[in-house]
């Protein structure tokens, strides 16, 4: 994965598009690549990145801004700023600010996909 990212970065793009690049990785490797990606982004000074992920923690750790999309039709339904300074160390994942941002993002996702968040409520209503 590092080699693939390096190939993309060698051309010094102004925009880097990444669609689930770390999805198949174990969590330790994923976190290491998240840190590498942030370092590469900071070193570039000019590059913007659009990063698609299903991981709330990954989105909060990497992003300045997170967009939540709903399905069918795909559309942006929420936006959340992550107002934490860079560089972000791995310790950021253990802060109250990280937990709060993850919680707000999870709430936005639940609102965007009510069918996935309501089974317990529906089961209670059926009794």
N, C-alpha and C. Protein backbone atom coordinates (compact mmCIF):
# COMPACT_ATOMS: atom_id res chain seq x y z
N UNK A 1 0.83 -1.19 0.00
CA UNK A 1 0.00 0.00 0.00
C UNK A 1 0.87 1.25 0.00
N UNK A 2 1.95 1.24 0.77
CA UNK A 2 2.85 2.40 0.78
C UNK A 2 3.40 2.68 -0.61
N UNK A 3 3.72 1.62 -1.35
CA UNK A 3 4.25 1.79 -2.71
C UNK A 3 3.21 2.43 -3.62
N UNK A 4 1.97 2.01 -3.49
CA UNK A 4 0.90 2.59 -4.32
C UNK A 4 0.72 4.08 -4.02
N UNK A 5 0.76 4.41 -2.75
CA UNK A 5 0.62 5.82 -2.37
C UNK A 5 1.83 6.61 -2.84
N UNK A 6 3.02 6.03 -2.70
CA UNK A 6 4.24 6.71 -3.15
C UNK A 6 4.18 6.98 -4.65
N UNK A 7 3.67 6.01 -5.43
CA UNK A 7 3.53 6.23 -6.88
C UNK A 7 2.61 7.41 -7.16
N UNK A 8 1.55 7.52 -6.39
CA UNK A 8 0.61 8.64 -6.59
C UNK A 8 1.26 9.97 -6.18
N UNK A 9 2.05 9.95 -5.11
CA UNK A 9 2.63 11.18 -4.59
C UNK A 9 3.84 11.67 -5.38
N UNK A 10 4.51 10.78 -6.09
CA UNK A 10 5.73 11.17 -6.81
C UNK A 10 5.45 12.24 -7.87
N UNK A 11 4.24 12.29 -8.36
CA UNK A 11 3.89 13.30 -9.37
C UNK A 11 3.51 14.64 -8.73
N UNK A 12 3.55 14.70 -7.40
CA UNK A 12 3.18 15.90 -6.64
C UNK A 12 1.80 16.44 -7.04
N UNK A 13 0.78 15.59 -6.87
CA UNK A 13 -0.56 16.03 -7.26
C UNK A 13 -1.08 17.13 -6.33
N UNK A 14 -1.94 17.94 -6.85
CA UNK A 14 -2.60 18.95 -6.00
C UNK A 14 -3.80 18.34 -5.30
N UNK A 15 -4.34 17.24 -5.87
CA UNK A 15 -5.47 16.53 -5.29
C UNK A 15 -5.19 15.04 -5.33
N UNK A 16 -5.34 14.39 -4.19
CA UNK A 16 -5.16 12.96 -4.09
C UNK A 16 -6.51 12.34 -3.77
N UNK A 17 -7.00 11.45 -4.65
CA UNK A 17 -8.27 10.78 -4.46
C UNK A 17 -8.00 9.38 -3.94
N UNK A 18 -8.59 9.05 -2.78
CA UNK A 18 -8.35 7.75 -2.16
C UNK A 18 -9.69 7.12 -1.78
N UNK A 19 -9.97 5.96 -2.34
CA UNK A 19 -11.23 5.27 -2.07
C UNK A 19 -10.94 4.00 -1.28
N UNK A 20 -11.20 4.04 0.02
CA UNK A 20 -11.00 2.91 0.93
C UNK A 20 -9.61 2.28 0.79
N UNK A 21 -8.54 3.08 0.79
CA UNK A 21 -7.22 2.51 0.53
C UNK A 21 -6.72 1.56 1.61
N UNK A 22 -7.23 1.68 2.83
CA UNK A 22 -6.70 0.87 3.93
C UNK A 22 -7.72 -0.14 4.45
N UNK A 23 -8.81 -0.34 3.74
CA UNK A 23 -9.92 -1.18 4.21
C UNK A 23 -9.51 -2.62 4.48
N UNK A 24 -8.61 -3.18 3.70
CA UNK A 24 -8.25 -4.60 3.85
C UNK A 24 -7.11 -4.83 4.83
N UNK A 25 -6.68 -3.80 5.52
CA UNK A 25 -5.52 -3.92 6.40
C UNK A 25 -5.93 -4.16 7.85
N UNK A 26 -5.02 -4.78 8.61
CA UNK A 26 -5.25 -4.92 10.05
C UNK A 26 -5.15 -3.54 10.69
N UNK A 27 -5.67 -3.41 11.90
CA UNK A 27 -5.78 -2.10 12.53
C UNK A 27 -4.43 -1.46 12.81
N UNK A 28 -3.43 -2.24 13.19
CA UNK A 28 -2.11 -1.67 13.48
C UNK A 28 -1.49 -1.09 12.22
N UNK A 29 -1.54 -1.83 11.12
CA UNK A 29 -1.00 -1.34 9.86
C UNK A 29 -1.80 -0.13 9.37
N UNK A 30 -3.12 -0.20 9.53
CA UNK A 30 -3.99 0.90 9.11
C UNK A 30 -3.62 2.18 9.86
N UNK A 31 -3.43 2.09 11.16
CA UNK A 31 -3.08 3.27 11.95
C UNK A 31 -1.71 3.82 11.56
N UNK A 32 -0.78 2.92 11.27
CA UNK A 32 0.56 3.36 10.83
C UNK A 32 0.45 4.11 9.51
N UNK A 33 -0.34 3.59 8.58
CA UNK A 33 -0.50 4.27 7.29
C UNK A 33 -1.27 5.57 7.43
N UNK A 34 -2.20 5.64 8.37
CA UNK A 34 -2.87 6.92 8.64
C UNK A 34 -1.85 7.97 9.06
N UNK A 35 -0.95 7.59 9.96
CA UNK A 35 0.09 8.52 10.41
C UNK A 35 1.01 8.91 9.25
N UNK A 36 1.38 7.92 8.42
CA UNK A 36 2.22 8.21 7.24
C UNK A 36 1.52 9.17 6.31
N UNK A 37 0.24 8.93 6.05
CA UNK A 37 -0.52 9.79 5.14
C UNK A 37 -0.57 11.22 5.66
N UNK A 38 -0.81 11.38 6.95
CA UNK A 38 -0.82 12.74 7.51
C UNK A 38 0.54 13.41 7.35
N UNK A 39 1.60 12.66 7.55
CA UNK A 39 2.94 13.22 7.40
C UNK A 39 3.19 13.64 5.96
N UNK A 40 2.82 12.77 5.01
CA UNK A 40 3.00 13.10 3.59
C UNK A 40 2.20 14.35 3.22
N UNK A 41 0.98 14.42 3.75
CA UNK A 41 0.12 15.58 3.47
C UNK A 41 0.76 16.85 4.01
N UNK A 42 1.27 16.79 5.24
CA UNK A 42 1.90 17.97 5.83
C UNK A 42 3.18 18.35 5.08
N UNK A 43 3.94 17.37 4.67
CA UNK A 43 5.19 17.63 3.95
C UNK A 43 4.93 18.28 2.59
N UNK A 44 3.80 17.92 1.96
CA UNK A 44 3.51 18.46 0.63
C UNK A 44 3.18 19.95 0.69
N UNK A 45 2.50 20.37 1.73
CA UNK A 45 2.15 21.77 1.90
C UNK A 45 1.04 22.29 1.01
N UNK A 46 0.72 21.60 -0.08
CA UNK A 46 -0.29 22.12 -1.01
C UNK A 46 -1.33 21.08 -1.41
N UNK A 47 -1.09 19.84 -1.10
CA UNK A 47 -1.97 18.78 -1.59
C UNK A 47 -3.26 18.71 -0.79
N UNK A 48 -4.36 18.54 -1.48
CA UNK A 48 -5.64 18.25 -0.87
C UNK A 48 -5.92 16.77 -1.09
N UNK A 49 -6.66 16.17 -0.19
CA UNK A 49 -7.00 14.75 -0.34
C UNK A 49 -8.48 14.56 -0.09
N UNK A 50 -9.08 13.74 -0.92
CA UNK A 50 -10.45 13.28 -0.72
C UNK A 50 -10.33 11.81 -0.37
N UNK A 51 -10.72 11.46 0.84
CA UNK A 51 -10.49 10.14 1.38
C UNK A 51 -11.83 9.52 1.72
N UNK A 52 -12.18 8.42 1.08
CA UNK A 52 -13.43 7.71 1.34
C UNK A 52 -13.13 6.58 2.30
N UNK A 53 -13.90 6.51 3.38
CA UNK A 53 -13.74 5.43 4.36
C UNK A 53 -15.08 5.14 5.03
N UNK A 54 -15.21 3.91 5.52
CA UNK A 54 -16.35 3.54 6.35
C UNK A 54 -15.97 3.54 7.82
N UNK A 55 -14.74 3.89 8.13
CA UNK A 55 -14.25 3.90 9.51
C UNK A 55 -14.41 5.29 10.10
N UNK A 56 -15.26 5.40 11.11
CA UNK A 56 -15.47 6.67 11.78
C UNK A 56 -14.17 7.15 12.41
N UNK A 57 -13.45 6.27 13.10
CA UNK A 57 -12.21 6.65 13.77
C UNK A 57 -11.17 7.15 12.76
N UNK A 58 -11.08 6.47 11.62
CA UNK A 58 -10.14 6.89 10.59
C UNK A 58 -10.51 8.27 10.05
N UNK A 59 -11.79 8.49 9.81
CA UNK A 59 -12.25 9.78 9.30
C UNK A 59 -11.91 10.91 10.27
N UNK A 60 -12.15 10.67 11.55
CA UNK A 60 -11.88 11.71 12.55
C UNK A 60 -10.38 11.95 12.68
N UNK A 61 -9.58 10.89 12.67
CA UNK A 61 -8.13 11.05 12.84
C UNK A 61 -7.51 11.82 11.68
N UNK A 62 -7.93 11.53 10.46
CA UNK A 62 -7.28 12.12 9.29
C UNK A 62 -7.81 13.49 8.89
N UNK A 63 -9.06 13.77 9.17
CA UNK A 63 -9.75 14.85 8.47
C UNK A 63 -9.79 16.19 9.17
N UNK A 64 -9.92 17.19 8.33
CA UNK A 64 -10.29 18.53 8.78
C UNK A 64 -11.80 18.70 8.68
N UNK A 65 -12.38 17.96 7.74
CA UNK A 65 -13.82 18.05 7.49
C UNK A 65 -14.30 16.69 7.03
N UNK A 66 -15.41 16.22 7.59
CA UNK A 66 -15.98 14.93 7.22
C UNK A 66 -17.38 15.18 6.66
N UNK A 67 -17.64 14.56 5.52
CA UNK A 67 -18.97 14.61 4.91
C UNK A 67 -19.62 13.25 5.08
N UNK A 68 -20.88 13.23 5.50
CA UNK A 68 -21.64 11.99 5.66
C UNK A 68 -22.58 11.88 4.48
N UNK A 69 -22.57 10.71 3.86
CA UNK A 69 -23.43 10.49 2.69
C UNK A 69 -24.53 9.50 3.02
N UNK A 70 -25.69 9.73 2.44
CA UNK A 70 -26.80 8.80 2.53
C UNK A 70 -26.86 8.02 1.22
N UNK A 71 -27.50 6.88 1.29
CA UNK A 71 -27.61 6.03 0.10
C UNK A 71 -28.92 6.29 -0.62
N UNK A 72 -28.91 5.96 -1.88
CA UNK A 72 -30.10 5.89 -2.74
C UNK A 72 -31.03 7.09 -2.61
N UNK A 73 -30.82 8.16 -3.19
CA UNK A 73 -29.66 8.47 -4.00
C UNK A 73 -28.52 8.96 -3.11
N UNK A 74 -27.31 8.70 -3.54
CA UNK A 74 -26.13 9.14 -2.79
C UNK A 74 -26.10 10.66 -2.74
N UNK A 75 -26.05 11.20 -1.53
CA UNK A 75 -26.03 12.65 -1.36
C UNK A 75 -25.41 12.98 -0.01
N UNK A 76 -24.82 14.15 0.10
CA UNK A 76 -24.25 14.59 1.36
C UNK A 76 -25.40 15.05 2.26
N UNK A 77 -25.45 14.47 3.47
CA UNK A 77 -26.53 14.82 4.41
C UNK A 77 -26.03 15.49 5.67
N UNK A 78 -24.72 15.45 5.90
CA UNK A 78 -24.16 16.10 7.08
C UNK A 78 -22.70 16.44 6.82
N UNK A 79 -22.25 17.44 7.53
CA UNK A 79 -20.85 17.86 7.45
C UNK A 79 -20.38 18.14 8.87
N UNK A 80 -19.19 17.66 9.18
CA UNK A 80 -18.64 17.87 10.52
C UNK A 80 -17.19 18.33 10.41
N UNK A 81 -16.90 19.46 10.99
CA UNK A 81 -15.51 19.94 11.05
C UNK A 81 -14.80 19.23 12.20
N UNK A 82 -13.55 18.88 11.98
CA UNK A 82 -12.71 18.30 13.03
C UNK A 82 -11.69 19.38 13.37
N UNK A 83 -11.99 20.15 14.39
CA UNK A 83 -11.20 21.33 14.73
C UNK A 83 -10.08 20.98 15.72
N UNK A 84 -9.21 20.10 15.31
CA UNK A 84 -8.06 19.72 16.14
C UNK A 84 -6.79 20.00 15.34
N UNK A 85 -5.77 20.47 16.02
CA UNK A 85 -4.55 20.87 15.31
C UNK A 85 -3.76 19.68 14.78
N UNK A 86 -2.97 19.96 13.77
CA UNK A 86 -1.99 19.02 13.24
C UNK A 86 -0.63 19.46 13.75
N UNK A 87 0.32 18.59 13.88
CA UNK A 87 0.25 17.16 13.61
C UNK A 87 -0.57 16.44 14.69
N UNK A 88 -1.24 15.38 14.28
CA UNK A 88 -2.03 14.57 15.20
C UNK A 88 -1.25 13.30 15.50
N UNK A 89 -0.93 13.12 16.74
CA UNK A 89 -0.19 11.93 17.15
C UNK A 89 -1.19 10.79 17.40
N UNK A 90 -0.70 9.57 17.49
CA UNK A 90 -1.60 8.45 17.83
C UNK A 90 -2.35 8.68 19.15
N UNK A 91 -1.79 9.47 20.05
CA UNK A 91 -2.46 9.76 21.32
C UNK A 91 -3.76 10.54 21.12
N UNK A 92 -3.90 11.22 20.00
CA UNK A 92 -5.15 11.95 19.72
C UNK A 92 -6.35 11.01 19.81
N UNK A 93 -6.16 9.75 19.45
CA UNK A 93 -7.26 8.77 19.48
C UNK A 93 -7.78 8.50 20.89
N UNK A 94 -7.07 8.94 21.90
CA UNK A 94 -7.45 8.68 23.30
C UNK A 94 -7.90 9.95 24.03
N UNK A 95 -8.22 10.98 23.27
CA UNK A 95 -8.62 12.25 23.88
C UNK A 95 -10.14 12.39 23.90
N UNK A 96 -10.65 13.20 24.81
CA UNK A 96 -12.09 13.49 24.82
C UNK A 96 -12.55 14.14 23.51
N UNK A 97 -11.72 14.97 22.90
CA UNK A 97 -12.10 15.62 21.63
C UNK A 97 -12.31 14.58 20.54
N UNK A 98 -11.45 13.56 20.48
CA UNK A 98 -11.59 12.49 19.50
C UNK A 98 -12.89 11.72 19.74
N UNK A 99 -13.13 11.35 21.01
CA UNK A 99 -14.35 10.60 21.34
C UNK A 99 -15.60 11.39 21.01
N UNK A 100 -15.58 12.68 21.30
CA UNK A 100 -16.74 13.53 21.00
C UNK A 100 -16.97 13.64 19.50
N UNK A 101 -15.91 13.81 18.72
CA UNK A 101 -16.07 13.90 17.27
C UNK A 101 -16.59 12.58 16.71
N UNK A 102 -16.10 11.46 17.21
CA UNK A 102 -16.60 10.15 16.77
C UNK A 102 -18.08 9.99 17.11
N UNK A 103 -18.46 10.40 18.31
CA UNK A 103 -19.86 10.29 18.72
C UNK A 103 -20.77 11.13 17.82
N UNK A 104 -20.36 12.38 17.54
CA UNK A 104 -21.18 13.23 16.67
C UNK A 104 -21.28 12.64 15.26
N UNK A 105 -20.20 12.09 14.78
CA UNK A 105 -20.19 11.49 13.45
C UNK A 105 -21.08 10.24 13.41
N UNK A 106 -21.02 9.43 14.45
CA UNK A 106 -21.89 8.24 14.53
C UNK A 106 -23.36 8.64 14.56
N UNK A 107 -23.68 9.71 15.27
CA UNK A 107 -25.07 10.20 15.30
C UNK A 107 -25.50 10.67 13.91
N UNK A 108 -24.62 11.35 13.20
CA UNK A 108 -24.94 11.80 11.84
C UNK A 108 -25.16 10.61 10.92
N UNK A 109 -24.33 9.58 11.07
CA UNK A 109 -24.49 8.37 10.25
C UNK A 109 -25.81 7.68 10.56
N UNK A 110 -26.15 7.59 11.83
CA UNK A 110 -27.42 6.96 12.22
C UNK A 110 -28.60 7.73 11.63
N UNK A 111 -28.51 9.05 11.61
CA UNK A 111 -29.57 9.85 11.00
C UNK A 111 -29.64 9.68 9.50
N UNK A 112 -28.51 9.43 8.87
CA UNK A 112 -28.47 9.27 7.42
C UNK A 112 -28.94 7.89 6.98
N UNK A 113 -28.85 6.92 7.88
CA UNK A 113 -29.19 5.53 7.56
C UNK A 113 -30.11 4.98 8.64
N UNK A 114 -31.33 5.52 8.78
CA UNK A 114 -32.20 5.13 9.89
C UNK A 114 -32.58 3.65 9.88
N UNK A 115 -32.62 3.01 8.74
CA UNK A 115 -32.97 1.59 8.68
C UNK A 115 -31.94 0.74 9.40
N UNK A 116 -30.67 1.18 9.42
CA UNK A 116 -29.62 0.41 10.09
C UNK A 116 -29.55 0.70 11.58
N UNK A 117 -30.11 1.80 12.03
CA UNK A 117 -29.99 2.17 13.44
C UNK A 117 -31.26 1.91 14.22
N UNK A 118 -32.34 1.46 13.56
CA UNK A 118 -33.63 1.35 14.23
C UNK A 118 -34.10 -0.06 14.56
N UNK A 119 -33.39 -1.16 14.30
CA UNK A 119 -33.94 -2.48 14.57
C UNK A 119 -34.39 -2.67 16.01
N UNK A 120 -33.64 -2.18 16.98
CA UNK A 120 -34.03 -2.36 18.39
C UNK A 120 -35.31 -1.60 18.68
N UNK A 121 -35.44 -0.40 18.12
CA UNK A 121 -36.66 0.37 18.33
C UNK A 121 -37.85 -0.31 17.67
N UNK A 122 -37.65 -0.85 16.46
CA UNK A 122 -38.73 -1.52 15.76
C UNK A 122 -39.14 -2.78 16.51
N UNK A 123 -38.18 -3.53 17.05
CA UNK A 123 -38.49 -4.75 17.78
C UNK A 123 -39.31 -4.42 19.03
N UNK A 124 -38.95 -3.32 19.72
CA UNK A 124 -39.70 -2.92 20.89
C UNK A 124 -41.10 -2.48 20.55
N UNK A 125 -41.28 -1.85 19.42
CA UNK A 125 -42.60 -1.38 19.00
C UNK A 125 -43.50 -2.53 18.59
N UNK A 126 -42.91 -3.63 18.14
CA UNK A 126 -43.70 -4.76 17.66
C UNK A 126 -44.29 -5.58 18.79
N UNK A 127 -43.76 -5.45 20.01
CA UNK A 127 -44.23 -6.28 21.11
C UNK A 127 -45.54 -5.85 21.64
